[in-house]
Amino acid sequence: MRRLVLVFTVLAVPTLAHAEPVSEARSAVGACLAAIIDGAPVPDQIKGDNAEIRRESQPATCTVTVTGGEPAAVRAGVMEALEKRAERFSPAKTRWDAGAFASRETFCSLPARRSFNVLVSTARPGEPLTLTATVLETKERDARCDRDEGVQRPLLTN
């Protein structure tokens, strides 16, 4: 298994550097999912032409920032990466105030032993930042995954 993960990481990094925005975003989010969920050895920072991966240890997160492409198409690529995972991510019942973005969404893994969330902020067309997606594991399942608690406002608005 370790050899498979290392091969995946080695193959994913060069692809990230020369891909078009949608496939680059899809690959980067796939790498972040593998890093947080599977413990894959993804470097703390990878910068491609249109996407950048940044990992933090406290708390353990992996964030993809995309600066190229059409926002709706890039979001669709990110959704493809989520759909490939066995954790079966679905939208949280609670919605988020989009602020300056076109949308802010949280996707939650199925209730299980481990709880993962992916926070996706999609820009409006024409903005320099196209999309951000952050993958994280939480100690307990967020109640907002399963219950509508009204529109939430993020602490950080950018």
Protein backbone atom coordinates (compact mmCIF):
# COMPACT_ATOMS: atom_id res chain seq x y z
CA MET A 1 0.00 0.00 0.00
CA ARG A 2 2.82 2.42 0.86
CA ARG A 3 4.40 1.91 -2.56
CA LEU A 4 1.03 2.62 -4.24
CA VAL A 5 0.65 5.88 -2.30
CA LEU A 6 4.18 6.99 -3.18
CA VAL A 7 3.61 6.21 -6.86
CA PHE A 8 0.33 8.17 -6.77
CA THR A 9 2.06 11.17 -5.20
CA VAL A 10 4.97 11.10 -7.64
CA LEU A 11 2.61 10.87 -10.60
CA ALA A 12 0.20 13.53 -9.30
CA VAL A 13 2.79 16.25 -8.68
CA PRO A 14 4.13 16.57 -12.26
CA THR A 15 0.56 16.44 -13.60
CA LEU A 16 -0.38 19.33 -11.34
CA ALA A 17 2.35 21.52 -12.81
CA HIS A 18 1.19 21.27 -16.45
CA ALA A 19 -2.55 20.68 -16.37
CA GLU A 20 -5.44 22.85 -17.38
CA PRO A 21 -7.45 24.42 -14.50
CA VAL A 22 -10.24 21.84 -14.15
CA SER A 23 -8.03 18.75 -14.18
CA GLU A 24 -5.41 20.51 -12.07
CA ALA A 25 -8.04 21.38 -9.44
CA ARG A 26 -9.46 17.84 -9.54
CA SER A 27 -5.97 16.32 -9.07
CA ALA A 28 -5.05 18.75 -6.30
CA VAL A 29 -8.25 18.08 -4.34
CA GLY A 30 -7.74 14.34 -4.86
CA ALA A 31 -4.24 14.70 -3.40
CA CYS A 32 -5.57 16.66 -0.41
CA LEU A 33 -8.25 14.04 0.23
CA ALA A 34 -5.60 11.31 0.10
CA ALA A 35 -3.33 13.31 2.43
CA ILE A 36 -5.94 13.92 5.13
CA ILE A 37 -7.95 10.69 4.87
CA ASP A 38 -5.32 8.14 3.89
CA GLY A 39 -2.18 9.79 5.27
CA ALA A 40 -0.64 9.99 1.78
CA PRO A 41 2.74 11.77 1.76
CA VAL A 42 1.72 14.95 -0.04
CA PRO A 43 4.25 17.81 0.32
CA ASP A 44 3.29 20.80 2.48
CA GLN A 45 3.25 23.07 -0.56
CA ILE A 46 2.88 22.39 -4.28
CA LYS A 47 2.36 25.15 -6.82
CA GLY A 48 1.04 24.38 -10.28
CA ASP A 49 0.06 26.68 -13.14
CA ASN A 50 -3.51 27.16 -11.86
CA ALA A 51 -3.69 25.46 -8.46
CA GLU A 52 -1.70 25.40 -5.27
CA ILE A 53 -1.79 22.90 -2.41
CA ARG A 54 -0.92 24.04 1.08
CA ARG A 55 -0.94 21.70 4.08
CA GLU A 56 -1.04 22.77 7.70
CA SER A 57 -0.35 20.55 10.69
CA GLN A 58 -2.30 22.39 13.43
CA PRO A 59 -5.06 21.78 12.70
CA ALA A 60 -4.38 19.14 10.07
CA THR A 61 -5.81 20.64 6.90
CA CYS A 62 -5.06 20.58 3.22
CA THR A 63 -6.18 23.56 1.12
CA VAL A 64 -6.32 23.89 -2.64
CA THR A 65 -6.37 27.39 -4.11
CA VAL A 66 -7.25 27.69 -7.79
CA THR A 67 -6.55 30.89 -9.74
CA GLY A 68 -7.44 29.86 -13.30
CA GLY A 69 -10.41 28.60 -15.23
CA GLU A 70 -14.13 29.19 -15.19
CA PRO A 71 -15.46 28.87 -11.61
CA ALA A 72 -18.41 26.55 -12.35
CA ALA A 73 -16.22 24.20 -14.40
CA VAL A 74 -13.49 24.14 -11.73
CA ARG A 75 -16.14 23.42 -9.07
CA ALA A 76 -17.41 20.52 -11.20
CA GLY A 77 -13.87 19.11 -11.29
CA VAL A 78 -13.65 19.35 -7.50
CA MET A 79 -17.01 17.56 -7.20
CA GLU A 80 -15.63 14.74 -9.38
CA ALA A 81 -12.76 14.29 -6.93
CA LEU A 82 -15.22 14.09 -4.03
CA GLU A 83 -17.45 11.60 -5.87
CA LYS A 84 -14.52 9.19 -6.34
CA ARG A 85 -14.03 8.76 -2.60
CA ALA A 86 -15.54 5.89 -0.61
CA GLU A 87 -16.50 8.37 2.15
CA ARG A 88 -19.42 9.47 -0.07
CA PHE A 89 -19.39 13.21 0.58
CA SER A 90 -22.71 15.04 0.48
CA PRO A 91 -23.72 18.68 1.07
CA ALA A 92 -24.27 19.75 4.67
CA LYS A 93 -27.88 20.56 5.57
CA THR A 94 -26.81 23.96 6.93
CA ARG A 95 -25.99 26.60 4.33
CA TRP A 96 -23.28 29.27 4.45
CA ASP A 97 -23.40 32.96 3.58
CA ALA A 98 -21.43 33.27 0.34
CA GLY A 99 -20.11 36.75 1.12
CA ALA A 100 -17.95 37.91 -1.80
CA PHE A 101 -18.05 34.41 -3.36
CA ALA A 102 -20.70 32.95 -5.66
CA SER A 103 -21.09 30.09 -3.17
CA ARG A 104 -19.66 28.62 0.02
CA GLU A 105 -20.44 24.99 0.67
CA THR A 106 -19.54 22.30 3.16
CA PHE A 107 -19.49 18.65 2.14
CA CYS A 108 -19.57 15.99 4.86
CA SER A 109 -18.54 12.36 4.74
CA LEU A 110 -21.07 9.70 5.69
CA PRO A 111 -21.49 9.22 9.42
CA ALA A 112 -18.84 6.68 10.33
CA ARG A 113 -15.91 6.20 12.68
CA ARG A 114 -14.04 9.19 11.21
CA SER A 115 -15.59 12.50 10.20
CA PHE A 116 -14.29 14.55 7.25
CA ASN A 117 -15.44 17.87 5.83
CA VAL A 118 -14.54 19.68 2.64
CA LEU A 119 -15.19 23.43 2.58
CA VAL A 120 -15.54 24.80 -0.96
CA SER A 121 -15.74 28.50 -1.83
CA THR A 122 -16.41 29.21 -5.50
CA ALA A 123 -15.75 32.69 -6.90
CA ARG A 124 -17.89 34.72 -9.21
CA PRO A 125 -16.71 34.78 -12.85
CA GLY A 126 -13.93 37.28 -13.53
CA GLU A 127 -12.37 37.18 -10.06
CA PRO A 128 -8.62 36.43 -9.74
CA LEU A 129 -9.28 33.64 -7.19
CA THR A 130 -11.44 30.93 -8.80
CA LEU A 131 -11.97 28.47 -5.94
CA THR A 132 -10.65 27.29 -2.61
CA ALA A 133 -11.26 23.85 -1.11
CA THR A 134 -10.11 22.81 2.34
CA VAL A 135 -10.13 19.19 3.52
CA LEU A 136 -10.13 18.48 7.24
CA GLU A 137 -10.93 15.77 9.74
CA THR A 138 -13.01 16.70 12.77
CA LYS A 139 -13.03 14.91 16.14
CA GLU A 140 -16.83 14.70 16.09
CA ARG A 141 -19.35 15.00 13.29
CA ASP A 142 -20.51 18.60 12.89
CA ALA A 143 -24.24 18.82 13.69
CA ARG A 144 -24.63 21.18 10.71
CA CYS A 145 -23.97 18.23 8.42
CA ASP A 146 -27.31 16.70 9.40
CA ARG A 147 -29.42 19.60 10.67
CA ASP A 148 -30.31 22.97 9.16
CA GLU A 149 -29.15 25.57 11.65
CA GLY A 150 -29.90 28.56 9.46
CA VAL A 151 -27.48 30.46 7.27
CA GLN A 152 -24.03 30.52 8.86
CA ARG A 153 -21.51 33.33 8.52
CA PRO A 154 -17.85 32.33 8.40
CA LEU A 155 -15.46 33.95 10.90
CA LEU A 156 -13.07 34.76 8.04
CA THR A 157 -14.81 36.43 5.12
CA ASN A 158 -12.11 36.23 2.41
